[in-house]
């Protein structure tokens, strides 16, 4: 069996960062992440999907943080007819949370700023009024277009562009920023093969520019959720603190998610750093930022 790859630089960095919590953290991220799904209400209803899965004796359970989010105890949920029809989208639990925290409603005009492959776009389509989903990469944009049609995202406009080129303002923005993807190690054993501290710092430089641009595209009283699947302070709290230092009208709001353990964040107040051992998730980070 293939073992999960961990660069020595990664191990030394997080051993120092986590101290006595390192063994528990390390043991958790060597394990496969639990499976979960989101019910896509563009293709079906909550009731129909729940009834259909129940009749098939599928073991699944609704998460406390959102009625459309479920854990599933099944080796290959991709074999389900509900998945093939686009009625459910397979998505990791922590990855669902930024959209839930954004709190979009049908009256909101929303930007999914770095949207590919588009799993969060499916969530936003279910919850928001109008969504623009962008990606600068032509190959990655293909997955967005595929999901638009496969999941019936009629209220989503896909644009192949750097979102910073848009001349629009939005009620709400999701910036799930390109990052060093440390959290994906529970999904793919080789996910950290390209990782280095140098890459983390390169990503952070870009992220600072992205977060400023996204914040400036918000309407007054608008909301930005910044998220990454990285555990690096350089890509997370440091980026939010950079924004707070540049924009006096930006504040980070406290987040409460039923069923999710959220620790106090001493590096940046109200930012959420998800330790995988706390909620059995990927490493993840998000911050809910208000424009005052």
Protein backbone atom coordinates (compact mmCIF):
# COMPACT_ATOMS: atom_id res chain seq x y z
CA UNK A 1 0.00 0.00 0.00
CA UNK A 2 1.32 3.43 -0.95
CA UNK A 3 2.27 5.56 2.04
CA UNK A 4 1.38 9.23 2.23
CA UNK A 5 4.30 11.41 1.13
CA UNK A 6 5.46 14.12 3.54
CA UNK A 7 8.43 16.40 2.71
CA UNK A 8 10.91 16.66 5.57
CA UNK A 9 10.58 20.45 5.37
CA UNK A 10 6.82 20.13 5.97
CA UNK A 11 7.31 17.81 8.95
CA UNK A 12 9.89 20.08 10.61
CA UNK A 13 7.78 23.20 10.02
CA UNK A 14 4.62 21.82 11.58
CA UNK A 15 6.35 19.92 14.37
CA UNK A 16 7.63 23.30 15.53
CA UNK A 17 4.32 25.07 14.89
CA UNK A 18 2.09 22.50 16.61
CA UNK A 19 4.33 21.40 19.47
CA UNK A 20 2.63 18.76 21.61
CA UNK A 21 -0.30 18.54 19.18
CA UNK A 22 1.95 17.39 16.33
CA UNK A 23 1.53 13.60 16.87
CA UNK A 24 -2.29 13.80 16.84
CA UNK A 25 -2.28 16.16 13.86
CA UNK A 26 0.15 13.95 11.94
CA UNK A 27 -1.77 10.75 12.70
CA UNK A 28 -4.99 12.36 11.45
CA UNK A 29 -3.65 13.70 8.16
CA UNK A 30 -2.24 10.26 7.30
CA UNK A 31 -5.79 8.89 7.30
CA UNK A 32 -8.25 9.07 4.42
CA UNK A 33 -10.84 11.80 4.90
CA UNK A 34 -14.48 10.80 5.51
CA UNK A 35 -16.86 10.98 2.57
CA UNK A 36 -19.64 13.51 2.36
CA UNK A 37 -22.09 15.04 -0.10
CA UNK A 38 -24.21 18.11 -0.79
CA UNK A 39 -27.78 17.80 -2.09
CA UNK A 40 -28.08 19.84 -5.29
CA UNK A 41 -31.54 21.40 -5.19
CA UNK A 42 -31.24 22.49 -8.83
CA UNK A 43 -31.75 18.85 -9.83
CA UNK A 44 -33.96 17.45 -7.08
CA UNK A 45 -35.45 18.19 -3.68
CA UNK A 46 -34.13 17.38 -0.23
CA UNK A 47 -37.02 15.03 0.41
CA UNK A 48 -36.67 13.05 -2.80
CA UNK A 49 -32.94 12.49 -2.40
CA UNK A 50 -33.24 11.51 1.27
CA UNK A 51 -36.09 9.08 0.47
CA UNK A 52 -34.21 7.57 -2.47
CA UNK A 53 -31.00 6.97 -0.49
CA UNK A 54 -32.94 5.62 2.50
CA UNK A 55 -34.74 3.05 0.31
CA UNK A 56 -31.34 1.84 -0.91
CA UNK A 57 -30.21 1.36 2.71
CA UNK A 58 -27.39 3.89 2.23
CA UNK A 59 -25.93 4.98 5.58
CA UNK A 60 -25.84 8.78 5.66
CA UNK A 61 -26.35 11.52 8.23
CA UNK A 62 -27.15 15.22 8.00
CA UNK A 63 -24.49 17.58 9.33
CA UNK A 64 -25.60 20.11 11.94
CA UNK A 65 -24.11 23.09 10.11
CA UNK A 66 -26.31 22.91 6.99
CA UNK A 67 -29.42 20.97 6.02
CA UNK A 68 -28.03 20.19 2.54
CA UNK A 69 -24.77 18.65 3.82
CA UNK A 70 -24.38 14.98 4.76
CA UNK A 71 -21.79 12.42 5.74
CA UNK A 72 -22.00 9.10 3.89
CA UNK A 73 -20.65 5.70 4.90
CA UNK A 74 -20.07 4.13 1.51
CA UNK A 75 -16.94 2.97 -0.28
CA UNK A 76 -17.89 4.31 -3.73
CA UNK A 77 -20.62 6.97 -3.50
CA UNK A 78 -19.75 7.91 -7.09
CA UNK A 79 -21.59 4.75 -8.14
CA UNK A 80 -24.90 6.10 -6.84
CA UNK A 81 -27.54 7.00 -9.43
CA UNK A 82 -28.16 10.23 -7.49
CA UNK A 83 -24.56 11.24 -8.13
CA UNK A 84 -24.68 10.32 -11.80
CA UNK A 85 -27.84 12.43 -12.23
CA UNK A 86 -26.22 15.44 -10.51
CA UNK A 87 -28.65 15.33 -7.60
CA UNK A 88 -25.78 15.09 -5.11
CA UNK A 89 -22.26 16.53 -5.31
CA UNK A 90 -19.42 14.76 -3.50
CA UNK A 91 -17.54 17.29 -1.42
CA UNK A 92 -15.30 17.22 1.65
CA UNK A 93 -16.93 18.54 4.85
CA UNK A 94 -14.52 21.43 5.52
CA UNK A 95 -14.70 22.51 1.87
CA UNK A 96 -18.45 23.05 2.26
CA UNK A 97 -18.05 25.52 5.11
CA UNK A 98 -16.88 28.71 3.31
CA UNK A 99 -20.09 28.87 1.27
CA UNK A 100 -22.22 28.16 4.35
CA UNK A 101 -20.40 30.95 6.22
CA UNK A 102 -20.84 33.38 3.31
CA UNK A 103 -24.60 33.13 3.89
CA UNK A 104 -25.76 34.01 0.38
CA UNK A 105 -29.50 34.40 -0.26
CA UNK A 106 -31.61 34.61 -3.40
CA UNK A 107 -31.38 38.41 -3.36
CA UNK A 108 -27.58 38.36 -3.58
CA UNK A 109 -25.30 38.91 -6.59
CA UNK A 110 -22.29 36.71 -5.83
CA UNK A 111 -18.79 36.28 -7.24
CA UNK A 112 -17.04 32.91 -7.04
CA UNK A 113 -13.64 34.44 -7.69
CA UNK A 114 -11.34 31.44 -8.24
CA UNK A 115 -14.08 28.93 -8.87
CA UNK A 116 -12.63 25.86 -10.58
CA UNK A 117 -13.35 22.98 -10.32
CA UNK A 118 -16.70 24.33 -9.20
CA UNK A 119 -17.94 22.31 -6.24
CA UNK A 120 -18.49 25.48 -4.20
CA UNK A 121 -20.14 26.97 -7.30
CA UNK A 122 -22.81 24.26 -7.02
CA UNK A 123 -23.46 25.29 -3.43
CA UNK A 124 -23.62 28.97 -4.36
CA UNK A 125 -26.02 28.27 -7.20
CA UNK A 126 -28.39 26.58 -4.73
CA UNK A 127 -28.28 29.46 -2.27
CA UNK A 128 -27.68 32.71 -4.19
CA UNK A 129 -29.60 34.73 -6.76
CA UNK A 130 -27.06 35.30 -9.52
CA UNK A 131 -23.52 33.92 -9.52
CA UNK A 132 -20.51 34.77 -11.66
CA UNK A 133 -17.87 32.03 -11.54
CA UNK A 134 -14.43 32.83 -12.92
CA UNK A 135 -11.16 31.07 -13.50
CA UNK A 136 -8.17 32.39 -15.38
CA UNK A 137 -7.02 28.98 -16.65
CA UNK A 138 -8.71 27.67 -19.82
CA UNK A 139 -8.33 23.99 -18.85
CA UNK A 140 -9.71 24.55 -15.36
CA UNK A 141 -12.58 26.58 -16.79
CA UNK A 142 -13.68 23.46 -18.67
CA UNK A 143 -14.54 21.79 -15.37
CA UNK A 144 -16.65 24.81 -14.41
CA UNK A 145 -18.56 24.61 -17.69
CA UNK A 146 -19.03 20.86 -17.23
CA UNK A 147 -20.45 21.38 -13.73
CA UNK A 148 -22.72 24.18 -14.92
CA UNK A 149 -24.52 21.77 -17.24
CA UNK A 150 -24.14 18.55 -15.23
CA UNK A 151 -25.62 20.14 -12.11
CA UNK A 152 -28.12 22.48 -13.77
CA UNK A 153 -26.54 25.74 -12.58
CA UNK A 154 -28.85 28.01 -14.55
CA UNK A 155 -28.15 31.07 -12.40
CA UNK A 156 -24.36 30.77 -12.87
CA UNK A 157 -22.42 32.64 -15.56
CA UNK A 158 -19.00 31.08 -16.19
CA UNK A 159 -16.29 33.50 -17.37
CA UNK A 160 -12.73 32.51 -18.28
CA UNK A 161 -10.93 35.51 -16.86
CA UNK A 162 -8.95 36.79 -13.92
CA UNK A 163 -11.76 38.08 -11.68
CA UNK A 164 -9.78 41.29 -11.19
CA UNK A 165 -10.68 42.22 -14.77
CA UNK A 166 -14.40 42.36 -14.01
CA UNK A 167 -15.91 45.83 -13.78
CA UNK A 168 -18.66 44.86 -11.34
CA UNK A 169 -19.55 45.12 -7.68
CA UNK A 170 -21.02 42.28 -5.66
CA UNK A 171 -23.12 41.70 -2.55
CA UNK A 172 -21.01 38.73 -1.56
CA UNK A 173 -17.71 37.25 -2.75
CA UNK A 174 -16.12 33.87 -2.18
CA UNK A 175 -12.35 33.95 -2.61
CA UNK A 176 -11.23 30.34 -2.24
CA UNK A 177 -7.71 31.33 -3.09
CA UNK A 178 -5.14 29.27 -5.01
CA UNK A 179 -2.84 27.93 -2.31
CA UNK A 180 -0.21 25.33 -1.49
CA UNK A 181 -3.06 22.79 -1.03
CA UNK A 182 -1.66 21.22 2.14
CA UNK A 183 -5.13 20.02 3.12
CA UNK A 184 -5.47 17.77 0.09
CA UNK A 185 -3.06 15.25 1.60
CA UNK A 186 -6.01 13.39 3.16
CA UNK A 187 -7.53 13.04 -0.31
CA UNK A 188 -4.40 12.19 -2.31
CA UNK A 189 -1.37 10.49 -0.77
CA UNK A 190 0.96 12.29 -3.20
CA UNK A 191 -0.58 15.76 -2.71
CA UNK A 192 2.52 17.19 -0.97
CA UNK A 193 5.06 16.01 -3.58
CA UNK A 194 5.34 19.51 -5.04
CA UNK A 195 5.15 21.29 -1.67
CA UNK A 196 7.88 23.58 -0.36
CA UNK A 197 8.09 26.63 1.87
CA UNK A 198 9.18 28.56 -1.20
CA UNK A 199 5.87 27.74 -2.89
CA UNK A 200 3.96 28.78 0.24
CA UNK A 201 5.62 32.20 0.13
CA UNK A 202 4.99 32.55 -3.61
CA UNK A 203 1.31 31.77 -3.11
CA UNK A 204 1.10 34.25 -0.23
CA UNK A 205 2.42 37.05 -2.42
CA UNK A 206 -0.38 36.44 -4.94
CA UNK A 207 -3.01 35.98 -2.23
CA UNK A 208 -2.32 39.46 -0.83
CA UNK A 209 -3.13 40.99 -4.20
CA UNK A 210 -6.23 38.81 -4.65
CA UNK A 211 -7.76 39.63 -1.27
CA UNK A 212 -7.35 43.39 -1.74
CA UNK A 213 -8.91 43.23 -5.21
CA UNK A 214 -11.81 41.06 -4.02
CA UNK A 215 -12.56 43.33 -1.06
CA UNK A 216 -12.59 46.40 -3.29
CA UNK A 217 -15.22 44.72 -5.52
CA UNK A 218 -17.69 44.45 -2.65
CA UNK A 219 -20.65 46.75 -2.20
CA UNK A 220 -20.79 48.66 1.08
CA UNK A 221 -21.96 46.27 3.83
CA UNK A 222 -20.96 43.37 1.57
CA UNK A 223 -19.32 40.15 2.75
CA UNK A 224 -16.14 38.43 1.59
CA UNK A 225 -15.16 34.93 2.66
CA UNK A 226 -11.48 34.20 2.18
CA UNK A 227 -10.53 30.52 2.38
CA UNK A 228 -7.72 28.09 1.62
CA UNK A 229 -7.10 24.36 2.07
CA UNK A 230 -3.70 25.24 3.51
CA UNK A 231 -2.61 25.21 7.15
CA UNK A 232 0.12 27.80 6.62
CA UNK A 233 -0.08 31.03 8.61
CA UNK A 234 1.63 32.75 5.67
CA UNK A 235 -1.35 31.96 3.43
CA UNK A 236 -4.05 32.52 6.00
CA UNK A 237 -3.88 34.84 9.00
CA UNK A 238 -1.04 36.83 7.45
CA UNK A 239 -3.19 37.49 4.37
CA UNK A 240 -6.21 38.62 6.37
CA UNK A 241 -4.03 40.82 8.60
CA UNK A 242 -2.55 42.33 5.43
CA UNK A 243 -6.04 43.29 4.27
CA UNK A 244 -6.96 44.72 7.68
CA UNK A 245 -3.82 46.85 7.57
CA UNK A 246 -4.67 48.20 4.10
CA UNK A 247 -8.43 48.71 4.45
CA UNK A 248 -9.76 50.42 7.59
CA UNK A 249 -13.34 49.50 6.66
CA UNK A 250 -12.65 45.75 6.80
CA UNK A 251 -13.57 43.70 9.88
CA UNK A 252 -13.49 39.97 10.55
CA UNK A 253 -16.79 38.67 11.91
CA UNK A 254 -17.12 35.86 14.43
CA UNK A 255 -18.32 32.58 12.95
CA UNK A 256 -20.48 29.94 14.62
CA UNK A 257 -21.13 26.60 12.90
CA UNK A 258 -23.22 23.99 14.75
CA UNK A 259 -21.31 20.74 15.16
CA UNK A 260 -17.94 22.27 14.20
CA UNK A 261 -15.26 22.91 16.82
CA UNK A 262 -13.74 26.35 16.28
CA UNK A 263 -10.76 27.44 18.37
CA UNK A 264 -9.87 30.95 19.38
CA UNK A 265 -7.40 32.35 16.86
CA UNK A 266 -4.59 34.31 18.50
CA UNK A 267 -2.98 35.21 15.16
CA UNK A 268 -6.03 37.02 13.77
CA UNK A 269 -9.19 37.46 15.82
CA UNK A 270 -12.27 35.57 14.52
CA UNK A 271 -10.38 33.79 11.73
CA UNK A 272 -11.16 30.07 11.64
CA UNK A 273 -8.33 27.55 11.46
CA UNK A 274 -9.69 24.00 11.23
CA UNK A 275 -7.41 21.45 12.86
CA UNK A 276 -8.11 18.09 11.18
CA UNK A 277 -8.11 16.25 14.52
CA UNK A 278 -10.88 18.50 15.88
CA UNK A 279 -13.55 17.77 13.27
CA UNK A 280 -12.04 14.92 11.21
CA UNK A 281 -11.62 17.20 8.17
CA UNK A 282 -8.92 18.47 5.86
CA UNK A 283 -6.64 21.20 7.13
CA UNK A 284 -8.66 24.31 6.28
CA UNK A 285 -8.92 28.03 6.92
CA UNK A 286 -11.54 30.71 6.35
CA UNK A 287 -12.41 34.23 7.46
CA UNK A 288 -15.71 36.10 7.11
CA UNK A 289 -14.87 39.71 6.30
CA UNK A 290 -17.37 42.57 6.33
CA UNK A 291 -17.03 45.82 4.39
CA UNK A 292 -18.20 48.62 6.69
